[in-house]
Amino acid sequence: MSTEQRETLEAVLRQSAFPVGIDVIEQRRLLRELISAQPLPADVTVTAAALGGVPTAEITIDGIEPRHVVLYFHGGVYVLGDAFLAADLASQVGRRTRAKVISVDYRLAPEHPYPAAVDDALAAYEALLRNGTAPSDIVFAGESAGGGLAVATLVNARDHGLPLPAAAFLMSPYADLTLAGTTMETKGEVDTLMSRENLQARVSDYTSGQDAALGLISPIFADLSGLPPLIIQAGTHEVLLDDAVRLAQQAASADVEVTLDITPGVPHVFQNFYPILDEAAAALDRAGQLLSAHLAGAEGVAAGQ
């Protein structure tokens, strides 16, 4: 894997880092500008839709007859981003699992604090099941806050007595809004995208007076028993590395099958940079193989029931 690629990416990220102290509206504008500058692959189609009253972006890939559904949750610390801006990375998961992707456009804080995102995510999943998609044909995926939301949705669905999907794929999950991970400090120097300061500034937007240690806000503190297999990926150059590691430990302690896949020297949600970073494409390939195996396994179990 190329050291040169990683160094080039780091330089680009340092150059395009958001100025400190800008407000949410300006952050949203800058993010949209940044992502819109990258065209989607030509074979990807994105269509506005809805599930259970929640807006979604349906993402399909030419030439792939989808047999499965990826329910996708975008990142953005619960205040930024949307289902459409996440379409490029989401489509890469769909491509590798031969699936249609439904990216959930959950409501954002501070306008809609917790539990709006959690409620929207569950409503979308419930509607997907109600519409006749078998849980064994569904996987969850998400990056950053979307990774945390994916786990919260599994916990929430389990607690509501719903059947659970075949697996979940979490990229650099933001799973602890108390910001207690040790890598908040130890990785501060090498993380070009996140810091304790810029995360702290947004926590109260989402929690809005609720305890940040609630299981559906910070799933690192939730009871994870009974969840389907989790595939957790992170890079060593991110302050959220410890969220990924501790989430994997919590899952393992709760007898959940978990794959923790750490790539050295890469940033937060490094999979986003698959066009210019070999490690990113390779990580997506590994996740795709695992997700496909879990889908095949769940189908076999469902067929045998």
C-alpha atoms as a PDB file:
ATOM      1  CA  MET A   1       0.000   0.000   0.000  1.00  0.00           C
ATOM      2  CA  SER A   2       1.281   3.407  -0.928  1.00  0.00           C
ATOM      3  CA  THR A   3       2.772   5.732   1.683  1.00  0.00           C
ATOM      4  CA  GLU A   4       2.703   8.394  -1.018  1.00  0.00           C
ATOM      5  CA  GLN A   5      -1.075   8.070  -1.397  1.00  0.00           C
ATOM      6  CA  ARG A   6      -1.584   8.475   2.348  1.00  0.00           C
ATOM      7  CA  GLU A   7       0.708  11.525   2.503  1.00  0.00           C
ATOM      8  CA  THR A   8      -1.049  13.155  -0.469  1.00  0.00           C
ATOM      9  CA  LEU A   9      -4.448  12.552   1.141  1.00  0.00           C
ATOM     10  CA  GLU A  10      -3.281  13.961   4.465  1.00  0.00           C
ATOM     11  CA  ALA A  11      -2.027  17.137   2.774  1.00  0.00           C
ATOM     12  CA  VAL A  12      -5.353  17.552   0.921  1.00  0.00           C
ATOM     13  CA  LEU A  13      -7.349  17.071   4.133  1.00  0.00           C
ATOM     14  CA  ARG A  14      -5.232  19.523   6.118  1.00  0.00           C
ATOM     15  CA  GLN A  15      -5.745  22.080   3.366  1.00  0.00           C
ATOM     16  CA  SER A  16      -9.512  21.613   3.193  1.00  0.00           C
ATOM     17  CA  ALA A  17     -10.159  21.393   6.965  1.00  0.00           C
ATOM     18  CA  PHE A  18     -13.103  23.477   8.159  1.00  0.00           C
ATOM     19  CA  PRO A  19     -12.104  26.694   9.945  1.00  0.00           C
ATOM     20  CA  VAL A  20     -12.517  26.377  13.722  1.00  0.00           C
ATOM     21  CA  GLY A  21     -15.580  27.999  15.270  1.00  0.00           C
ATOM     22  CA  ILE A  22     -17.822  28.308  12.212  1.00  0.00           C
ATOM     23  CA  ASP A  23     -21.541  27.756  12.736  1.00  0.00           C
ATOM     24  CA  VAL A  24     -23.594  24.760  11.644  1.00  0.00           C
ATOM     25  CA  ILE A  25     -25.189  26.493   8.641  1.00  0.00           C
ATOM     26  CA  GLU A  26     -21.762  27.434   7.250  1.00  0.00           C
ATOM     27  CA  GLN A  27     -20.413  23.909   7.955  1.00  0.00           C
ATOM     28  CA  ARG A  28     -23.333  22.420   6.012  1.00  0.00           C
ATOM     29  CA  ARG A  29     -22.665  24.747   3.085  1.00  0.00           C
ATOM     30  CA  LEU A  30     -18.935  23.927   2.996  1.00  0.00           C
ATOM     31  CA  LEU A  31     -19.586  20.181   3.222  1.00  0.00           C
ATOM     32  CA  ARG A  32     -22.109  20.312   0.371  1.00  0.00           C
ATOM     33  CA  GLU A  33     -19.628  22.304  -1.733  1.00  0.00           C
ATOM     34  CA  LEU A  34     -16.818  19.847  -0.991  1.00  0.00           C
ATOM     35  CA  ILE A  35     -18.806  16.704  -1.789  1.00  0.00           C
ATOM     36  CA  SER A  36     -20.711  18.111  -4.761  1.00  0.00           C
ATOM     37  CA  ALA A  37     -17.346  18.769  -6.431  1.00  0.00           C
ATOM     38  CA  GLN A  38     -16.832  14.974  -6.677  1.00  0.00           C
ATOM     39  CA  PRO A  39     -19.056  13.521  -9.413  1.00  0.00           C
ATOM     40  CA  LEU A  40     -20.823  10.214  -8.772  1.00  0.00           C
ATOM     41  CA  PRO A  41     -19.681   7.185 -10.779  1.00  0.00           C
ATOM     42  CA  ALA A  42     -21.489   7.210 -14.139  1.00  0.00           C
ATOM     43  CA  ASP A  43     -23.316   3.929 -13.478  1.00  0.00           C
ATOM     44  CA  VAL A  44     -24.889   5.119 -10.198  1.00  0.00           C
ATOM     45  CA  THR A  45     -28.478   6.419 -10.130  1.00  0.00           C
ATOM     46  CA  VAL A  46     -29.915   8.238  -7.114  1.00  0.00           C
ATOM     47  CA  THR A  47     -33.681   8.711  -6.743  1.00  0.00           C
ATOM     48  CA  ALA A  48     -35.621  10.556  -4.050  1.00  0.00           C
ATOM     49  CA  ALA A  49     -38.063   8.283  -2.210  1.00  0.00           C
ATOM     50  CA  ALA A  50     -39.472   7.715   1.282  1.00  0.00           C
ATOM     51  CA  LEU A  51     -39.881   4.925   3.836  1.00  0.00           C
ATOM     52  CA  GLY A  52     -42.334   5.162   6.695  1.00  0.00           C
ATOM     53  CA  GLY A  53     -42.720   8.889   6.114  1.00  0.00           C
ATOM     54  CA  VAL A  54     -38.939   9.417   6.263  1.00  0.00           C
ATOM     55  CA  PRO A  55     -37.253  10.837   3.130  1.00  0.00           C
ATOM     56  CA  THR A  56     -34.651   8.548   1.546  1.00  0.00           C
ATOM     57  CA  ALA A  57     -32.274   8.400  -1.394  1.00  0.00           C
ATOM     58  CA  GLU A  58     -32.506   5.137  -3.353  1.00  0.00           C
ATOM     59  CA  ILE A  59     -29.179   4.252  -4.936  1.00  0.00           C
ATOM     60  CA  THR A  60     -28.911   1.700  -7.729  1.00  0.00           C
ATOM     61  CA  ILE A  61     -26.047   0.603  -9.964  1.00  0.00           C
ATOM     62  CA  ASP A  62     -26.415  -0.177 -13.657  1.00  0.00           C
ATOM     63  CA  GLY A  63     -26.067  -3.858 -14.454  1.00  0.00           C
ATOM     64  CA  ILE A  64     -26.695  -5.040 -10.890  1.00  0.00           C
ATOM     65  CA  GLU A  65     -30.006  -6.789 -10.350  1.00  0.00           C
ATOM     66  CA  PRO A  66     -30.325  -6.191  -6.606  1.00  0.00           C
ATOM     67  CA  ARG A  67     -31.173  -9.196  -4.441  1.00  0.00           C
ATOM     68  CA  HIS A  68     -30.549  -7.413  -1.159  1.00  0.00           C
ATOM     69  CA  VAL A  69     -31.022  -4.028   0.496  1.00  0.00           C
ATOM     70  CA  VAL A  70     -28.417  -1.953   2.331  1.00  0.00           C
ATOM     71  CA  LEU A  71     -30.132   0.456   4.730  1.00  0.00           C
ATOM     72  CA  TYR A  72     -27.555   3.239   4.948  1.00  0.00           C
ATOM     73  CA  PHE A  73     -27.048   5.950   7.596  1.00  0.00           C
ATOM     74  CA  HIS A  74     -24.882   8.944   6.660  1.00  0.00           C
ATOM     75  CA  GLY A  75     -22.386  10.676   8.938  1.00  0.00           C
ATOM     76  CA  GLY A  76     -22.050  14.301  10.022  1.00  0.00           C
ATOM     77  CA  VAL A  77     -22.132  14.271  13.872  1.00  0.00           C
ATOM     78  CA  TYR A  78     -25.962  14.333  13.679  1.00  0.00           C
ATOM     79  CA  VAL A  79     -25.970  17.941  12.440  1.00  0.00           C
ATOM     80  CA  LEU A  80     -24.434  17.788   8.933  1.00  0.00           C
ATOM     81  CA  GLY A  81     -24.787  15.832   5.705  1.00  0.00           C
ATOM     82  CA  ASP A  82     -27.745  14.150   4.073  1.00  0.00           C
ATOM     83  CA  ALA A  83     -28.788  10.934   2.342  1.00  0.00           C
ATOM     84  CA  PHE A  84     -27.811  12.245  -1.100  1.00  0.00           C
ATOM     85  CA  LEU A  85     -24.357  13.563  -0.150  1.00  0.00           C
ATOM     86  CA  ALA A  86     -23.544  10.060   1.128  1.00  0.00           C
ATOM     87  CA  ALA A  87     -24.505   8.412  -2.178  1.00  0.00           C
ATOM     88  CA  ASP A  88     -20.963   7.856  -3.481  1.00  0.00           C
ATOM     89  CA  LEU A  89     -19.685   5.887  -0.481  1.00  0.00           C
ATOM     90  CA  ALA A  90     -23.067   4.189  -0.016  1.00  0.00           C
ATOM     91  CA  SER A  91     -23.013   3.051  -3.652  1.00  0.00           C
ATOM     92  CA  GLN A  92     -19.637   1.374  -3.063  1.00  0.00           C
ATOM     93  CA  VAL A  93     -21.219  -0.792  -0.360  1.00  0.00           C
ATOM     94  CA  GLY A  94     -24.122  -1.604  -2.692  1.00  0.00           C
ATOM     95  CA  ARG A  95     -21.754  -2.473  -5.528  1.00  0.00           C
ATOM     96  CA  ARG A  96     -19.889  -4.991  -3.387  1.00  0.00           C
ATOM     97  CA  THR A  97     -23.023  -6.632  -1.985  1.00  0.00           C
ATOM     98  CA  ARG A  98     -25.012  -6.551  -5.248  1.00  0.00           C
ATOM     99  CA  ALA A  99     -27.689  -4.620  -3.382  1.00  0.00           C
ATOM    100  CA  LYS A 100     -29.934  -1.623  -3.716  1.00  0.00           C
ATOM    101  CA  VAL A 101     -28.991   1.011  -1.159  1.00  0.00           C
ATOM    102  CA  ILE A 102     -31.585   3.052   0.693  1.00  0.00           C
ATOM    103  CA  SER A 103     -29.884   6.005   2.357  1.00  0.00           C
ATOM    104  CA  VAL A 104     -32.009   7.407   5.197  1.00  0.00           C
ATOM    105  CA  ASP A 105     -32.429  11.202   5.297  1.00  0.00           C
ATOM    106  CA  TYR A 106     -32.987  11.362   9.045  1.00  0.00           C
ATOM    107  CA  ARG A 107     -33.729  14.715  10.669  1.00  0.00           C
ATOM    108  CA  LEU A 108     -30.721  16.704  11.886  1.00  0.00           C
ATOM    109  CA  ALA A 109     -29.952  18.601  15.082  1.00  0.00           C
ATOM    110  CA  PRO A 110     -29.986  21.272  16.380  1.00  0.00           C
ATOM    111  CA  GLU A 111     -33.357  21.811  14.659  1.00  0.00           C
ATOM    112  CA  HIS A 112     -34.355  18.216  15.501  1.00  0.00           C
ATOM    113  CA  PRO A 113     -32.350  16.899  18.468  1.00  0.00           C
ATOM    114  CA  TYR A 114     -32.423  13.355  19.897  1.00  0.00           C
ATOM    115  CA  PRO A 115     -34.534  11.242  19.521  1.00  0.00           C
ATOM    116  CA  ALA A 116     -35.479  12.505  16.020  1.00  0.00           C
ATOM    117  CA  ALA A 117     -32.673  10.653  14.176  1.00  0.00           C
ATOM    118  CA  VAL A 118     -33.288   7.457  16.175  1.00  0.00           C
ATOM    119  CA  ASP A 119     -37.047   7.627  15.545  1.00  0.00           C
ATOM    120  CA  ASP A 120     -36.565   8.211  11.810  1.00  0.00           C
ATOM    121  CA  ALA A 121     -34.088   5.343  11.477  1.00  0.00           C
ATOM    122  CA  LEU A 122     -36.438   2.900  13.210  1.00  0.00           C
ATOM    123  CA  ALA A 123     -39.448   4.106  11.188  1.00  0.00           C
ATOM    124  CA  ALA A 124     -37.528   3.536   7.942  1.00  0.00           C
ATOM    125  CA  TYR A 125     -36.491   0.015   8.982  1.00  0.00           C
ATOM    126  CA  GLU A 126     -40.010  -0.882  10.140  1.00  0.00           C
ATOM    127  CA  ALA A 127     -41.423   0.316   6.800  1.00  0.00           C
ATOM    128  CA  LEU A 128     -38.859  -1.723   4.882  1.00  0.00           C
ATOM    129  CA  LEU A 129     -39.962  -4.851   6.735  1.00  0.00           C
ATOM    130  CA  ARG A 130     -43.648  -3.951   6.337  1.00  0.00           C
ATOM    131  CA  ASN A 131     -43.139  -3.538   2.588  1.00  0.00           C
ATOM    132  CA  GLY A 132     -42.141  -7.187   2.421  1.00  0.00           C
ATOM    133  CA  THR A 133     -38.334  -7.159   2.471  1.00  0.00           C
ATOM    134  CA  ALA A 134     -37.128 -10.131   4.510  1.00  0.00           C
ATOM    135  CA  PRO A 135     -34.755  -9.179   7.366  1.00  0.00           C
ATOM    136  CA  SER A 136     -32.345 -11.840   6.035  1.00  0.00           C
ATOM    137  CA  ASP A 137     -32.073  -9.744   2.835  1.00  0.00           C
ATOM    138  CA  ILE A 138     -31.153  -6.533   4.683  1.00  0.00           C
ATOM    139  CA  VAL A 139     -27.874  -5.223   6.065  1.00  0.00           C
ATOM    140  CA  PHE A 140     -27.255  -1.902   7.788  1.00  0.00           C
ATOM    141  CA  ALA A 141     -24.271   0.302   6.950  1.00  0.00           C
ATOM    142  CA  GLY A 142     -23.166   3.699   8.155  1.00  0.00           C
ATOM    143  CA  GLU A 143     -20.213   6.008   8.611  1.00  0.00           C
ATOM    144  CA  SER A 144     -19.252   8.106  11.622  1.00  0.00           C
ATOM    145  CA  ALA A 145     -22.477   9.234  13.355  1.00  0.00           C
ATOM    146  CA  GLY A 146     -24.295   6.970  10.888  1.00  0.00           C
ATOM    147  CA  GLY A 147     -22.295   4.037  12.245  1.00  0.00           C
ATOM    148  CA  GLY A 148     -23.418   4.886  15.754  1.00  0.00           C
ATOM    149  CA  LEU A 149     -26.999   5.341  14.528  1.00  0.00           C
ATOM    150  CA  ALA A 150     -26.904   1.933  12.802  1.00  0.00           C
ATOM    151  CA  VAL A 151     -26.045   0.247  16.129  1.00  0.00           C
ATOM    152  CA  ALA A 152     -28.632   2.324  18.018  1.00  0.00           C
ATOM    153  CA  THR A 153     -31.219   1.227  15.442  1.00  0.00           C
ATOM    154  CA  LEU A 154     -30.312  -2.440  15.922  1.00  0.00           C
ATOM    155  CA  VAL A 155     -30.725  -2.033  19.701  1.00  0.00           C
ATOM    156  CA  ASN A 156     -33.984  -0.097  19.240  1.00  0.00           C
ATOM    157  CA  ALA A 157     -35.368  -2.644  16.754  1.00  0.00           C
ATOM    158  CA  ARG A 158     -34.469  -5.512  19.092  1.00  0.00           C
ATOM    159  CA  ASP A 159     -36.173  -3.749  22.015  1.00  0.00           C
ATOM    160  CA  HIS A 160     -39.284  -3.226  19.856  1.00  0.00           C
ATOM    161  CA  GLY A 161     -39.387  -6.956  19.088  1.00  0.00           C
ATOM    162  CA  LEU A 162     -38.531  -6.546  15.395  1.00  0.00           C
ATOM    163  CA  PRO A 163     -36.539  -9.178  13.489  1.00  0.00           C
ATOM    164  CA  LEU A 164     -32.985  -7.969  12.908  1.00  0.00           C
ATOM    165  CA  PRO A 165     -31.031  -7.651   9.641  1.00  0.00           C
ATOM    166  CA  ALA A 166     -28.307 -10.090   8.551  1.00  0.00           C
ATOM    167  CA  ALA A 167     -25.379  -7.864   9.615  1.00  0.00           C
ATOM    168  CA  ALA A 168     -24.182  -4.268  10.019  1.00  0.00           C
ATOM    169  CA  PHE A 169     -21.105  -2.538   8.571  1.00  0.00           C
ATOM    170  CA  LEU A 170     -19.800   0.423  10.599  1.00  0.00           C
ATOM    171  CA  MET A 171     -17.127   2.770   9.257  1.00  0.00           C
ATOM    172  CA  SER A 172     -15.364   4.827  11.953  1.00  0.00           C
ATOM    173  CA  PRO A 173     -18.454   4.696  14.184  1.00  0.00           C
ATOM    174  CA  TYR A 174     -19.111   7.688  16.439  1.00  0.00           C
ATOM    175  CA  ALA A 175     -20.473   5.640  19.325  1.00  0.00           C
ATOM    176  CA  ASP A 176     -19.609   7.627  22.465  1.00  0.00           C
ATOM    177  CA  LEU A 177     -20.938  11.194  22.677  1.00  0.00           C
ATOM    178  CA  THR A 178     -19.430  11.510  26.180  1.00  0.00           C
ATOM    179  CA  LEU A 179     -16.111  11.660  24.248  1.00  0.00           C
ATOM    180  CA  ALA A 180     -14.440   9.407  26.812  1.00  0.00           C
ATOM    181  CA  GLY A 181     -12.201   7.468  24.402  1.00  0.00           C
ATOM    182  CA  THR A 182      -8.484   7.738  25.165  1.00  0.00           C
ATOM    183  CA  THR A 183      -7.700   8.353  21.472  1.00  0.00           C
ATOM    184  CA  MET A 184      -9.549  11.698  21.760  1.00  0.00           C
ATOM    185  CA  GLU A 185      -6.216  12.887  23.187  1.00  0.00           C
ATOM    186  CA  THR A 186      -3.621  10.445  21.856  1.00  0.00           C
ATOM    187  CA  LYS A 187      -4.677  10.771  18.191  1.00  0.00           C
ATOM    188  CA  GLY A 188      -5.399  14.504  18.238  1.00  0.00           C
ATOM    189  CA  GLU A 189      -2.172  15.382  16.427  1.00  0.00           C
ATOM    190  CA  VAL A 190      -2.636  12.958  13.520  1.00  0.00           C
ATOM    191  CA  ASP A 191      -6.401  13.368  12.970  1.00  0.00           C
ATOM    192  CA  THR A 192      -6.835  15.861  10.123  1.00  0.00           C
ATOM    193  CA  LEU A 193     -10.658  15.802  10.230  1.00  0.00           C
ATOM    194  CA  MET A 194     -11.870  15.597  13.821  1.00  0.00           C
ATOM    195  CA  SER A 195     -10.911  16.843  17.263  1.00  0.00           C
ATOM    196  CA  ARG A 196     -12.380  16.718  20.747  1.00  0.00           C
ATOM    197  CA  GLU A 197     -13.092  20.468  20.407  1.00  0.00           C
ATOM    198  CA  ASN A 198     -15.098  20.308  17.197  1.00  0.00           C
ATOM    199  CA  LEU A 199     -17.000  17.216  18.386  1.00  0.00           C
ATOM    200  CA  GLN A 200     -17.728  18.795  21.780  1.00  0.00           C
ATOM    201  CA  ALA A 201     -19.156  21.870  20.066  1.00  0.00           C
ATOM    202  CA  ARG A 202     -21.851  19.708  18.409  1.00  0.00           C
ATOM    203  CA  VAL A 203     -22.701  17.197  21.167  1.00  0.00           C
ATOM    204  CA  SER A 204     -25.234  19.424  22.932  1.00  0.00           C
ATOM    205  CA  ASP A 205     -26.893  20.231  19.576  1.00  0.00           C
ATOM    206  CA  TYR A 206     -27.921  16.583  19.415  1.00  0.00           C
ATOM    207  CA  THR A 207     -28.336  15.620  23.087  1.00  0.00           C
ATOM    208  CA  SER A 208     -30.235  18.841  23.913  1.00  0.00           C
ATOM    209  CA  GLY A 209     -30.181  18.272  27.676  1.00  0.00           C
ATOM    210  CA  GLN A 210     -30.440  14.469  27.538  1.00  0.00           C
ATOM    211  CA  ASP A 211     -27.678  12.339  29.073  1.00  0.00           C
ATOM    212  CA  ALA A 212     -25.029  11.675  26.403  1.00  0.00           C
ATOM    213  CA  ALA A 213     -24.440   8.243  27.975  1.00  0.00           C
ATOM    214  CA  LEU A 214     -27.939   6.983  27.054  1.00  0.00           C
ATOM    215  CA  GLY A 215     -27.638   3.758  25.049  1.00  0.00           C
ATOM    216  CA  LEU A 216     -29.516   5.101  22.016  1.00  0.00           C
ATOM    217  CA  ILE A 217     -27.312   8.230  21.938  1.00  0.00           C
ATOM    218  CA  SER A 218     -24.016   6.484  22.675  1.00  0.00           C
ATOM    219  CA  PRO A 219     -24.466   2.788  21.805  1.00  0.00           C
ATOM    220  CA  ILE A 220     -21.133   1.999  23.437  1.00  0.00           C
ATOM    221  CA  PHE A 221     -23.162   2.053  26.686  1.00  0.00           C
ATOM    222  CA  ALA A 222     -26.070  -0.024  25.333  1.00  0.00           C
ATOM    223  CA  ASP A 223     -26.780  -3.696  25.938  1.00  0.00           C
ATOM    224  CA  LEU A 224     -25.695  -5.206  22.618  1.00  0.00           C
ATOM    225  CA  SER A 225     -26.841  -8.780  23.285  1.00  0.00           C
ATOM    226  CA  GLY A 226     -28.730 -10.488  20.484  1.00  0.00           C
ATOM    227  CA  LEU A 227     -27.424  -8.197  17.726  1.00  0.00           C
ATOM    228  CA  PRO A 228     -26.435  -9.597  14.328  1.00  0.00           C
ATOM    229  CA  PRO A 229     -22.768  -9.760  13.237  1.00  0.00           C
ATOM    230  CA  LEU A 230     -20.963  -6.400  13.218  1.00  0.00           C
ATOM    231  CA  ILE A 231     -18.144  -5.417  10.850  1.00  0.00           C
ATOM    232  CA  ILE A 232     -16.316  -2.428  12.328  1.00  0.00           C
ATOM    233  CA  GLN A 233     -13.608  -0.566  10.403  1.00  0.00           C
ATOM    234  CA  ALA A 234     -11.479   2.388  11.498  1.00  0.00           C
ATOM    235  CA  GLY A 235      -8.122   4.014  10.800  1.00  0.00           C
ATOM    236  CA  THR A 236      -5.320   4.630  13.282  1.00  0.00           C
ATOM    237  CA  HIS A 237      -5.207   8.348  12.432  1.00  0.00           C
ATOM    238  CA  GLU A 238      -8.508   9.265  14.036  1.00  0.00           C
ATOM    239  CA  VAL A 239      -9.669  10.442  17.434  1.00  0.00           C
ATOM    240  CA  LEU A 240     -12.624   8.046  17.167  1.00  0.00           C
ATOM    241  CA  LEU A 241     -10.387   4.953  16.928  1.00  0.00           C
ATOM    242  CA  ASP A 242     -11.209   4.099  20.543  1.00  0.00           C
ATOM    243  CA  ASP A 243     -14.954   4.238  19.800  1.00  0.00           C
ATOM    244  CA  ALA A 244     -14.480   1.453  17.242  1.00  0.00           C
ATOM    245  CA  VAL A 245     -12.270  -0.648  19.539  1.00  0.00           C
ATOM    246  CA  ARG A 246     -14.511  -0.286  22.600  1.00  0.00           C
ATOM    247  CA  LEU A 247     -17.665  -0.948  20.558  1.00  0.00           C
ATOM    248  CA  ALA A 248     -16.092  -4.181  19.300  1.00  0.00           C
ATOM    249  CA  GLN A 249     -15.197  -5.143  22.888  1.00  0.00           C
ATOM    250  CA  GLN A 250     -18.745  -4.434  24.073  1.00  0.00           C
ATOM    251  CA  ALA A 251     -20.165  -6.522  21.240  1.00  0.00           C
ATOM    252  CA  ALA A 252     -17.801  -9.416  21.956  1.00  0.00           C
ATOM    253  CA  SER A 253     -18.636  -9.291  25.670  1.00  0.00           C
ATOM    254  CA  ALA A 254     -22.326  -9.565  24.705  1.00  0.00           C
ATOM    255  CA  ASP A 255     -21.637 -12.696  22.579  1.00  0.00           C
ATOM    256  CA  VAL A 256     -22.094 -10.823  19.302  1.00  0.00           C
ATOM    257  CA  GLU A 257     -20.010 -11.921  16.305  1.00  0.00           C
ATOM    258  CA  VAL A 258     -17.736  -8.995  15.515  1.00  0.00           C
ATOM    259  CA  THR A 259     -14.990  -8.275  13.001  1.00  0.00           C
ATOM    260  CA  LEU A 260     -12.720  -5.366  13.993  1.00  0.00           C
ATOM    261  CA  ASP A 261     -10.687  -4.222  10.987  1.00  0.00           C
ATOM    262  CA  ILE A 262      -8.129  -1.466  11.708  1.00  0.00           C
ATOM    263  CA  THR A 263      -6.082   0.091   8.895  1.00  0.00           C
ATOM    264  CA  PRO A 264      -2.871   1.903   9.921  1.00  0.00           C
ATOM    265  CA  GLY A 265      -2.071   5.458   8.893  1.00  0.00           C
ATOM    266  CA  VAL A 266      -5.460   6.401   7.445  1.00  0.00           C
ATOM    267  CA  PRO A 267      -8.037   9.016   8.518  1.00  0.00           C
ATOM    268  CA  HIS A 268     -11.642   9.035   9.708  1.00  0.00           C
ATOM    269  CA  VAL A 269     -13.969   7.272   7.224  1.00  0.00           C
ATOM    270  CA  PHE A 270     -10.986   6.636   4.945  1.00  0.00           C
ATOM    271  CA  GLN A 271     -13.247   4.488   2.728  1.00  0.00           C
ATOM    272  CA  ASN A 272     -14.529   7.780   1.285  1.00  0.00           C
ATOM    273  CA  PHE A 273     -11.198   8.150  -0.492  1.00  0.00           C
ATOM    274  CA  TYR A 274     -11.380   4.878  -2.441  1.00  0.00           C
ATOM    275  CA  PRO A 275     -10.584   6.596  -5.796  1.00  0.00           C
ATOM    276  CA  ILE A 276      -7.152   7.731  -4.546  1.00  0.00           C
ATOM    277  CA  LEU A 277      -6.302   5.366  -1.685  1.00  0.00           C
ATOM    278  CA  ASP A 278      -5.663   1.661  -2.233  1.00  0.00           C
ATOM    279  CA  GLU A 279      -6.351   0.857   1.428  1.00  0.00           C
ATOM    280  CA  ALA A 280      -9.850   2.321   1.105  1.00  0.00           C
ATOM    281  CA  ALA A 281     -10.874   0.152  -1.854  1.00  0.00           C
ATOM    282  CA  ALA A 282      -9.321  -2.897  -0.161  1.00  0.00           C
ATOM    283  CA  ALA A 283     -11.252  -2.246   3.083  1.00  0.00           C
ATOM    284  CA  LEU A 284     -14.514  -1.893   1.145  1.00  0.00           C
ATOM    285  CA  ASP A 285     -13.741  -5.169  -0.644  1.00  0.00           C
ATOM    286  CA  ARG A 286     -13.189  -6.959   2.674  1.00  0.00           C
ATOM    287  CA  ALA A 287     -16.416  -5.572   4.119  1.00  0.00           C
ATOM    288  CA  GLY A 288     -18.314  -6.499   0.960  1.00  0.00           C
ATOM    289  CA  GLN A 289     -17.134 -10.096   1.172  1.00  0.00           C
ATOM    290  CA  LEU A 290     -18.147 -10.369   4.826  1.00  0.00           C
ATOM    291  CA  LEU A 291     -21.546  -8.733   4.239  1.00  0.00           C
ATOM    292  CA  SER A 292     -22.205 -11.057   1.285  1.00  0.00           C
ATOM    293  CA  ALA A 293     -21.282 -14.085   3.420  1.00  0.00           C
ATOM    294  CA  HIS A 294     -23.588 -12.928   6.239  1.00  0.00           C
ATOM    295  CA  LEU A 295     -26.435 -12.352   3.751  1.00  0.00           C
ATOM    296  CA  ALA A 296     -25.933 -15.813   2.260  1.00  0.00           C
ATOM    297  CA  GLY A 297     -25.817 -17.332   5.751  1.00  0.00           C
ATOM    298  CA  ALA A 298     -28.977 -15.518   6.892  1.00  0.00           C
ATOM    299  CA  GLU A 299     -30.779 -16.613   3.720  1.00  0.00           C
ATOM    300  CA  GLY A 300     -29.807 -20.232   4.413  1.00  0.00           C
ATOM    301  CA  VAL A 301     -31.108 -20.001   7.978  1.00  0.00           C
ATOM    302  CA  ALA A 302     -34.343 -18.355   6.801  1.00  0.00           C
ATOM    303  CA  ALA A 303     -34.834 -21.032   4.132  1.00  0.00           C
ATOM    304  CA  GLY A 304     -34.335 -23.790   6.712  1.00  0.00           C
ATOM    305  CA  GLN A 305     -36.936 -22.419   9.137  1.00  0.00           C
END
